Amino acid sequence: MPQVSFAADIKPLFRDIDISHMKSFGVELDDYAYMSNPDNANSVLATVSPHSGEPPSMPPGGPYWTAAQLALFVQWQEEGYQP
């Protein structure tokens, strides 16, 4: 099974509107160098993950990531943030 890559699997999870909105906060969702930093990736994962039965904080109003999308992101992290 091929490894999860940022270009093919992770970057497409983010909508253009999300990328544009988050740039104003210094969050570069479409930039591999930014997203492959574990601190940044963990921060993004925390915002798109539900907590204690509450919906995620991002993207505002949804659509929220599915369990499969969240698992894909975690797999990308576990496999070493492949480009």
PDB file of N, CA and C in Angstrom:
ATOM      1  N   MET A   1       0.848  -1.184   0.000  1.00  0.00           N
ATOM      2  CA  MET A   1       0.000   0.000   0.000  1.00  0.00           C
ATOM      3  C   MET A   1       0.893   1.246   0.000  1.00  0.00           C
ATOM      4  N   PRO A   2       0.659   2.174  -0.910  1.00  0.00           N
ATOM      5  CA  PRO A   2       1.499   3.371  -0.974  1.00  0.00           C
ATOM      6  C   PRO A   2       1.293   4.252   0.259  1.00  0.00           C
ATOM      7  N   GLN A   3       2.358   4.946   0.612  1.00  0.00           N
ATOM      8  CA  GLN A   3       2.271   5.852   1.748  1.00  0.00           C
ATOM      9  C   GLN A   3       1.379   7.040   1.403  1.00  0.00           C
ATOM     10  N   VAL A   4       0.810   7.612   2.440  1.00  0.00           N
ATOM     11  CA  VAL A   4       0.006   8.821   2.291  1.00  0.00           C
ATOM     12  C   VAL A   4       0.962   9.975   2.014  1.00  0.00           C
ATOM     13  N   SER A   5       0.634  10.808   1.039  1.00  0.00           N
ATOM     14  CA  SER A   5       1.493  11.951   0.728  1.00  0.00           C
ATOM     15  C   SER A   5       0.718  13.255   0.889  1.00  0.00           C
ATOM     16  N   PHE A   6       1.458  14.302   1.179  1.00  0.00           N
ATOM     17  CA  PHE A   6       0.839  15.615   1.331  1.00  0.00           C
ATOM     18  C   PHE A   6       0.184  16.053   0.027  1.00  0.00           C
ATOM     19  N   ALA A   7       0.932  15.964  -1.070  1.00  0.00           N
ATOM     20  CA  ALA A   7       0.434  16.463  -2.355  1.00  0.00           C
ATOM     21  C   ALA A   7      -0.810  15.724  -2.829  1.00  0.00           C
ATOM     22  N   ALA A   8      -0.801  14.408  -2.733  1.00  0.00           N
ATOM     23  CA  ALA A   8      -1.901  13.614  -3.291  1.00  0.00           C
ATOM     24  C   ALA A   8      -3.071  13.426  -2.336  1.00  0.00           C
ATOM     25  N   ASP A   9      -2.801  13.389  -1.035  1.00  0.00           N
ATOM     26  CA  ASP A   9      -3.838  12.993  -0.088  1.00  0.00           C
ATOM     27  C   ASP A   9      -4.240  14.061   0.924  1.00  0.00           C
ATOM     28  N   ILE A  10      -3.293  14.831   1.422  1.00  0.00           N
ATOM     29  CA  ILE A  10      -3.584  15.756   2.519  1.00  0.00           C
ATOM     30  C   ILE A  10      -4.004  17.134   2.016  1.00  0.00           C
ATOM     31  N   LYS A  11      -3.238  17.709   1.121  1.00  0.00           N
ATOM     32  CA  LYS A  11      -3.585  19.038   0.609  1.00  0.00           C
ATOM     33  C   LYS A  11      -5.008  19.083   0.051  1.00  0.00           C
ATOM     34  N   PRO A  12      -5.476  18.050  -0.672  1.00  0.00           N
ATOM     35  CA  PRO A  12      -6.851  18.092  -1.193  1.00  0.00           C
ATOM     36  C   PRO A  12      -7.942  18.074  -0.111  1.00  0.00           C
ATOM     37  N   LEU A  13      -7.583  17.761   1.134  1.00  0.00           N
ATOM     38  CA  LEU A  13      -8.577  17.797   2.210  1.00  0.00           C
ATOM     39  C   LEU A  13      -9.024  19.221   2.523  1.00  0.00           C
ATOM     40  N   PHE A  14      -8.185  20.191   2.181  1.00  0.00           N
ATOM     41  CA  PHE A  14      -8.473  21.585   2.500  1.00  0.00           C
ATOM     42  C   PHE A  14      -9.105  22.294   1.308  1.00  0.00           C
ATOM     43  N   ARG A  15     -10.234  22.941   1.552  1.00  0.00           N
ATOM     44  CA  ARG A  15     -10.900  23.707   0.499  1.00  0.00           C
ATOM     45  C   ARG A  15     -10.153  25.024   0.282  1.00  0.00           C
ATOM     46  N   ASP A  16     -10.273  25.573  -0.924  1.00  0.00           N
ATOM     47  CA  ASP A  16      -9.621  26.848  -1.235  1.00  0.00           C
ATOM     48  C   ASP A  16     -10.020  27.926  -0.240  1.00  0.00           C
ATOM     49  N   ILE A  17     -11.290  27.946   0.147  1.00  0.00           N
ATOM     50  CA  ILE A  17     -11.759  28.964   1.092  1.00  0.00           C
ATOM     51  C   ILE A  17     -11.085  28.801   2.452  1.00  0.00           C
ATOM     52  N   ASP A  18     -10.844  27.559   2.867  1.00  0.00           N
ATOM     53  CA  ASP A  18     -10.161  27.309   4.142  1.00  0.00           C
ATOM     54  C   ASP A  18      -8.708  27.774   4.065  1.00  0.00           C
ATOM     55  N   ILE A  19      -8.055  27.451   2.963  1.00  0.00           N
ATOM     56  CA  ILE A  19      -6.657  27.842   2.768  1.00  0.00           C
ATOM     57  C   ILE A  19      -6.532  29.355   2.806  1.00  0.00           C
ATOM     58  N   SER A  20      -7.387  30.035   2.073  1.00  0.00           N
ATOM     59  CA  SER A  20      -7.359  31.492   2.011  1.00  0.00           C
ATOM     60  C   SER A  20      -7.636  32.112   3.380  1.00  0.00           C
ATOM     61  N   HIS A  21      -8.650  31.616   4.058  1.00  0.00           N
ATOM     62  CA  HIS A  21      -9.026  32.152   5.366  1.00  0.00           C
ATOM     63  C   HIS A  21      -7.895  31.984   6.379  1.00  0.00           C
ATOM     64  N   MET A  22      -7.294  30.826   6.423  1.00  0.00           N
ATOM     65  CA  MET A  22      -6.281  30.546   7.437  1.00  0.00           C
ATOM     66  C   MET A  22      -4.958  31.257   7.171  1.00  0.00           C
ATOM     67  N   LYS A  23      -4.688  31.617   5.907  1.00  0.00           N
ATOM     68  CA  LYS A  23      -3.459  32.366   5.597  1.00  0.00           C
ATOM     69  C   LYS A  23      -3.417  33.674   6.375  1.00  0.00           C
ATOM     70  N   SER A  24      -4.588  34.293   6.590  1.00  0.00           N
ATOM     71  CA  SER A  24      -4.634  35.563   7.314  1.00  0.00           C
ATOM     72  C   SER A  24      -4.202  35.398   8.772  1.00  0.00           C
ATOM     73  N   PHE A  25      -4.179  34.165   9.255  1.00  0.00           N
ATOM     74  CA  PHE A  25      -3.722  33.869  10.615  1.00  0.00           C
ATOM     75  C   PHE A  25      -2.319  33.266  10.624  1.00  0.00           C
ATOM     76  N   GLY A  26      -1.673  33.243   9.464  1.00  0.00           N
ATOM     77  CA  GLY A  26      -0.330  32.692   9.361  1.00  0.00           C
ATOM     78  C   GLY A  26      -0.284  31.175   9.264  1.00  0.00           C
ATOM     79  N   VAL A  27      -1.440  30.556   9.028  1.00  0.00           N
ATOM     80  CA  VAL A  27      -1.518  29.102   8.909  1.00  0.00           C
ATOM     81  C   VAL A  27      -1.512  28.748   7.428  1.00  0.00           C
ATOM     82  N   GLU A  28      -0.494  28.027   6.994  1.00  0.00           N
ATOM     83  CA  GLU A  28      -0.293  27.717   5.579  1.00  0.00           C
ATOM     84  C   GLU A  28      -0.723  26.282   5.281  1.00  0.00           C
ATOM     85  N   LEU A  29      -2.024  26.065   5.165  1.00  0.00           N
ATOM     86  CA  LEU A  29      -2.563  24.723   4.969  1.00  0.00           C
ATOM     87  C   LEU A  29      -2.094  24.064   3.681  1.00  0.00           C
ATOM     88  N   ASP A  30      -1.720  24.864   2.698  1.00  0.00           N
ATOM     89  CA  ASP A  30      -1.316  24.324   1.398  1.00  0.00           C
ATOM     90  C   ASP A  30       0.200  24.251   1.227  1.00  0.00           C
ATOM     91  N   ASP A  31       0.948  24.515   2.299  1.00  0.00           N
ATOM     92  CA  ASP A  31       2.403  24.549   2.222  1.00  0.00           C
ATOM     93  C   ASP A  31       2.997  23.338   2.948  1.00  0.00           C
ATOM     94  N   TYR A  32       3.664  22.479   2.188  1.00  0.00           N
ATOM     95  CA  TYR A  32       4.226  21.263   2.777  1.00  0.00           C
ATOM     96  C   TYR A  32       5.202  21.574   3.910  1.00  0.00           C
ATOM     97  N   ALA A  33       6.078  22.552   3.722  1.00  0.00           N
ATOM     98  CA  ALA A  33       7.067  22.870   4.755  1.00  0.00           C
ATOM     99  C   ALA A  33       6.379  23.264   6.063  1.00  0.00           C
ATOM    100  N   TYR A  34       5.311  24.013   5.968  1.00  0.00           N
ATOM    101  CA  TYR A  34       4.564  24.415   7.161  1.00  0.00           C
ATOM    102  C   TYR A  34       3.855  23.220   7.784  1.00  0.00           C
ATOM    103  N   MET A  35       3.141  22.480   6.960  1.00  0.00           N
ATOM    104  CA  MET A  35       2.311  21.390   7.465  1.00  0.00           C
ATOM    105  C   MET A  35       3.122  20.189   7.938  1.00  0.00           C
ATOM    106  N   SER A  36       4.338  20.013   7.442  1.00  0.00           N
ATOM    107  CA  SER A  36       5.148  18.870   7.867  1.00  0.00           C
ATOM    108  C   SER A  36       5.847  19.125   9.200  1.00  0.00           C
ATOM    109  N   ASN A  37       5.705  20.318   9.753  1.00  0.00           N
ATOM    110  CA  ASN A  37       6.184  20.596  11.098  1.00  0.00           C
ATOM    111  C   ASN A  37       5.189  19.953  12.065  1.00  0.00           C
ATOM    112  N   PRO A  38       5.626  19.009  12.893  1.00  0.00           N
ATOM    113  CA  PRO A  38       4.681  18.303  13.764  1.00  0.00           C
ATOM    114  C   PRO A  38       3.827  19.217  14.643  1.00  0.00           C
ATOM    115  N   ASP A  39       4.397  20.306  15.142  1.00  0.00           N
ATOM    116  CA  ASP A  39       3.602  21.222  15.967  1.00  0.00           C
ATOM    117  C   ASP A  39       2.454  21.819  15.163  1.00  0.00           C
ATOM    118  N   ASN A  40       2.733  22.230  13.930  1.00  0.00           N
ATOM    119  CA  ASN A  40       1.693  22.808  13.080  1.00  0.00           C
ATOM    120  C   ASN A  40       0.658  21.760  12.703  1.00  0.00           C
ATOM    121  N   ALA A  41       1.111  20.582  12.323  1.00  0.00           N
ATOM    122  CA  ALA A  41       0.184  19.516  11.930  1.00  0.00           C
ATOM    123  C   ALA A  41      -0.714  19.116  13.096  1.00  0.00           C
ATOM    124  N   ASN A  42      -0.151  19.005  14.292  1.00  0.00           N
ATOM    125  CA  ASN A  42      -0.955  18.651  15.462  1.00  0.00           C
ATOM    126  C   ASN A  42      -1.976  19.731  15.786  1.00  0.00           C
ATOM    127  N   SER A  43      -1.594  20.981  15.614  1.00  0.00           N
ATOM    128  CA  SER A  43      -2.520  22.083  15.850  1.00  0.00           C
ATOM    129  C   SER A  43      -3.684  22.033  14.867  1.00  0.00           C
ATOM    130  N   VAL A  44      -3.382  21.793  13.599  1.00  0.00           N
ATOM    131  CA  VAL A  44      -4.433  21.680  12.584  1.00  0.00           C
ATOM    132  C   VAL A  44      -5.330  20.487  12.898  1.00  0.00           C
ATOM    133  N   LEU A  45      -4.734  19.356  13.236  1.00  0.00           N
ATOM    134  CA  LEU A  45      -5.526  18.169  13.558  1.00  0.00           C
ATOM    135  C   LEU A  45      -6.471  18.445  14.727  1.00  0.00           C
ATOM    136  N   ALA A  46      -5.999  19.156  15.729  1.00  0.00           N
ATOM    137  CA  ALA A  46      -6.847  19.472  16.886  1.00  0.00           C
ATOM    138  C   ALA A  46      -8.050  20.321  16.486  1.00  0.00           C
ATOM    139  N   THR A  47      -7.870  21.222  15.524  1.00  0.00           N
ATOM    140  CA  THR A  47      -8.983  22.098  15.141  1.00  0.00           C
ATOM    141  C   THR A  47     -10.005  21.409  14.251  1.00  0.00           C
ATOM    142  N   VAL A  48      -9.613  20.359  13.556  1.00  0.00           N
ATOM    143  CA  VAL A  48     -10.560  19.663  12.672  1.00  0.00           C
ATOM    144  C   VAL A  48     -11.146  18.409  13.319  1.00  0.00           C
ATOM    145  N   SER A  49     -10.736  18.126  14.561  1.00  0.00           N
ATOM    146  CA  SER A  49     -11.214  16.935  15.270  1.00  0.00           C
ATOM    147  C   SER A  49     -12.308  17.306  16.267  1.00  0.00           C
ATOM    148  N   PRO A  50     -13.328  16.462  16.399  1.00  0.00           N
ATOM    149  CA  PRO A  50     -14.349  16.707  17.426  1.00  0.00           C
ATOM    150  C   PRO A  50     -13.771  16.450  18.821  1.00  0.00           C
ATOM    151  N   HIS A  51     -14.307  17.151  19.817  1.00  0.00           N
ATOM    152  CA  HIS A  51     -13.841  17.001  21.196  1.00  0.00           C
ATOM    153  C   HIS A  51     -15.031  16.847  22.127  1.00  0.00           C
ATOM    154  N   SER A  52     -15.028  15.805  22.911  1.00  0.00           N
ATOM    155  CA  SER A  52     -16.062  15.567  23.931  1.00  0.00           C
ATOM    156  C   SER A  52     -17.468  15.695  23.367  1.00  0.00           C
ATOM    157  N   GLY A  53     -17.681  15.142  22.187  1.00  0.00           N
ATOM    158  CA  GLY A  53     -19.001  15.173  21.583  1.00  0.00           C
ATOM    159  C   GLY A  53     -19.360  16.480  20.899  1.00  0.00           C
ATOM    160  N   GLU A  54     -18.493  17.467  20.993  1.00  0.00           N
ATOM    161  CA  GLU A  54     -18.724  18.754  20.336  1.00  0.00           C
ATOM    162  C   GLU A  54     -18.145  18.706  18.928  1.00  0.00           C
ATOM    163  N   PRO A  55     -18.757  19.441  18.000  1.00  0.00           N
ATOM    164  CA  PRO A  55     -18.192  19.461  16.644  1.00  0.00           C
ATOM    165  C   PRO A  55     -16.834  20.161  16.639  1.00  0.00           C
ATOM    166  N   PRO A  56     -16.037  19.891  15.626  1.00  0.00           N
ATOM    167  CA  PRO A  56     -14.734  20.558  15.521  1.00  0.00           C
ATOM    168  C   PRO A  56     -14.912  22.064  15.376  1.00  0.00           C
ATOM    169  N   SER A  57     -13.852  22.808  15.672  1.00  0.00           N
ATOM    170  CA  SER A  57     -13.920  24.261  15.513  1.00  0.00           C
ATOM    171  C   SER A  57     -13.667  24.684  14.068  1.00  0.00           C
ATOM    172  N   MET A  58     -13.125  23.797  13.258  1.00  0.00           N
ATOM    173  CA  MET A  58     -12.844  24.130  11.860  1.00  0.00           C
ATOM    174  C   MET A  58     -13.304  22.996  10.952  1.00  0.00           C
ATOM    175  N   PRO A  59     -13.692  23.259   9.759  1.00  0.00           N
ATOM    176  CA  PRO A  59     -13.972  24.602   9.265  1.00  0.00           C
ATOM    177  C   PRO A  59     -15.252  25.151   9.891  1.00  0.00           C
ATOM    178  N   PRO A  60     -15.325  26.473  10.055  1.00  0.00           N
ATOM    179  CA  PRO A  60     -16.488  27.077  10.694  1.00  0.00           C
ATOM    180  C   PRO A  60     -17.780  26.665   9.988  1.00  0.00           C
ATOM    181  N   GLY A  61     -18.688  26.073  10.716  1.00  0.00           N
ATOM    182  CA  GLY A  61     -19.970  25.675  10.148  1.00  0.00           C
ATOM    183  C   GLY A  61     -19.935  24.422   9.298  1.00  0.00           C
ATOM    184  N   GLY A  62     -18.753  23.817   9.127  1.00  0.00           N
ATOM    185  CA  GLY A  62     -18.648  22.584   8.345  1.00  0.00           C
ATOM    186  C   GLY A  62     -18.473  22.875   6.866  1.00  0.00           C
ATOM    187  N   PRO A  63     -18.453  21.879   6.030  1.00  0.00           N
ATOM    188  CA  PRO A  63     -18.589  20.470   6.391  1.00  0.00           C
ATOM    189  C   PRO A  63     -17.349  19.985   7.129  1.00  0.00           C
ATOM    190  N   TYR A  64     -17.591  19.201   8.160  1.00  0.00           N
ATOM    191  CA  TYR A  64     -16.503  18.697   8.980  1.00  0.00           C
ATOM    192  C   TYR A  64     -15.879  17.465   8.343  1.00  0.00           C
ATOM    193  N   TRP A  65     -14.633  17.218   8.711  1.00  0.00           N
ATOM    194  CA  TRP A  65     -13.944  16.045   8.184  1.00  0.00           C
ATOM    195  C   TRP A  65     -14.609  14.776   8.690  1.00  0.00           C
ATOM    196  N   THR A  66     -14.615  13.775   7.845  1.00  0.00           N
ATOM    197  CA  THR A  66     -15.140  12.463   8.216  1.00  0.00           C
ATOM    198  C   THR A  66     -14.085  11.712   9.036  1.00  0.00           C
ATOM    199  N   ALA A  67     -14.510  10.628   9.656  1.00  0.00           N
ATOM    200  CA  ALA A  67     -13.563   9.788  10.395  1.00  0.00           C
ATOM    201  C   ALA A  67     -12.464   9.279   9.464  1.00  0.00           C
ATOM    202  N   ALA A  68     -12.813   8.966   8.226  1.00  0.00           N
ATOM    203  CA  ALA A  68     -11.822   8.480   7.261  1.00  0.00           C
ATOM    204  C   ALA A  68     -10.803   9.568   6.923  1.00  0.00           C
ATOM    205  N   GLN A  69     -11.255  10.807   6.797  1.00  0.00           N
ATOM    206  CA  GLN A  69     -10.334  11.904   6.506  1.00  0.00           C
ATOM    207  C   GLN A  69      -9.397  12.152   7.690  1.00  0.00           C
ATOM    208  N   LEU A  70      -9.946  12.116   8.893  1.00  0.00           N
ATOM    209  CA  LEU A  70      -9.113  12.287  10.085  1.00  0.00           C
ATOM    210  C   LEU A  70      -8.075  11.170  10.175  1.00  0.00           C
ATOM    211  N   ALA A  71      -8.494   9.941   9.902  1.00  0.00           N
ATOM    212  CA  ALA A  71      -7.579   8.798   9.948  1.00  0.00           C
ATOM    213  C   ALA A  71      -6.477   8.936   8.896  1.00  0.00           C
ATOM    214  N   LEU A  72      -6.817   9.458   7.730  1.00  0.00           N
ATOM    215  CA  LEU A  72      -5.832   9.665   6.676  1.00  0.00           C
ATOM    216  C   LEU A  72      -4.773  10.667   7.125  1.00  0.00           C
ATOM    217  N   PHE A  73      -5.207  11.747   7.760  1.00  0.00           N
ATOM    218  CA  PHE A  73      -4.276  12.762   8.254  1.00  0.00           C
ATOM    219  C   PHE A  73      -3.340  12.159   9.303  1.00  0.00           C
ATOM    220  N   VAL A  74      -3.897  11.393  10.227  1.00  0.00           N
ATOM    221  CA  VAL A  74      -3.089  10.747  11.264  1.00  0.00           C
ATOM    222  C   VAL A  74      -2.117   9.747  10.636  1.00  0.00           C
ATOM    223  N   GLN A  75      -2.572   9.016   9.646  1.00  0.00           N
ATOM    224  CA  GLN A  75      -1.691   8.068   8.957  1.00  0.00           C
ATOM    225  C   GLN A  75      -0.529   8.812   8.312  1.00  0.00           C
ATOM    226  N   TRP A  76      -0.807   9.949   7.695  1.00  0.00           N
ATOM    227  CA  TRP A  76       0.249  10.763   7.083  1.00  0.00           C
ATOM    228  C   TRP A  76       1.286  11.148   8.141  1.00  0.00           C
ATOM    229  N   GLN A  77       0.818  11.550   9.308  1.00  0.00           N
ATOM    230  CA  GLN A  77       1.738  11.895  10.390  1.00  0.00           C
ATOM    231  C   GLN A  77       2.561  10.672  10.812  1.00  0.00           C
ATOM    232  N   GLU A  78       1.882   9.563  11.028  1.00  0.00           N
ATOM    233  CA  GLU A  78       2.555   8.352  11.505  1.00  0.00           C
ATOM    234  C   GLU A  78       3.572   7.819  10.502  1.00  0.00           C
ATOM    235  N   GLU A  79       3.346   8.071   9.224  1.00  0.00           N
ATOM    236  CA  GLU A  79       4.261   7.608   8.179  1.00  0.00           C
ATOM    237  C   GLU A  79       5.405   8.586   7.925  1.00  0.00           C
ATOM    238  N   GLY A  80       5.472   9.650   8.711  1.00  0.00           N
ATOM    239  CA  GLY A  80       6.617  10.549   8.611  1.00  0.00           C
ATOM    240  C   GLY A  80       6.429  11.747   7.713  1.00  0.00           C
ATOM    241  N   TYR A  81       5.182  12.189   7.512  1.00  0.00           N
ATOM    242  CA  TYR A  81       4.920  13.434   6.774  1.00  0.00           C
ATOM    243  C   TYR A  81       5.510  13.413   5.363  1.00  0.00           C
ATOM    244  N   GLN A  82       5.132  12.420   4.587  1.00  0.00           N
ATOM    245  CA  GLN A  82       5.655  12.299   3.218  1.00  0.00           C
ATOM    246  C   GLN A  82       5.160  13.460   2.350  1.00  0.00           C
ATOM    247  N   PRO A  83       6.042  13.982   1.498  1.00  0.00           N
ATOM    248  CA  PRO A  83       5.634  15.108   0.642  1.00  0.00           C
ATOM    249  C   PRO A  83       4.630  14.686  -0.403  1.00  0.00           C
TER     250      PRO A  83
END
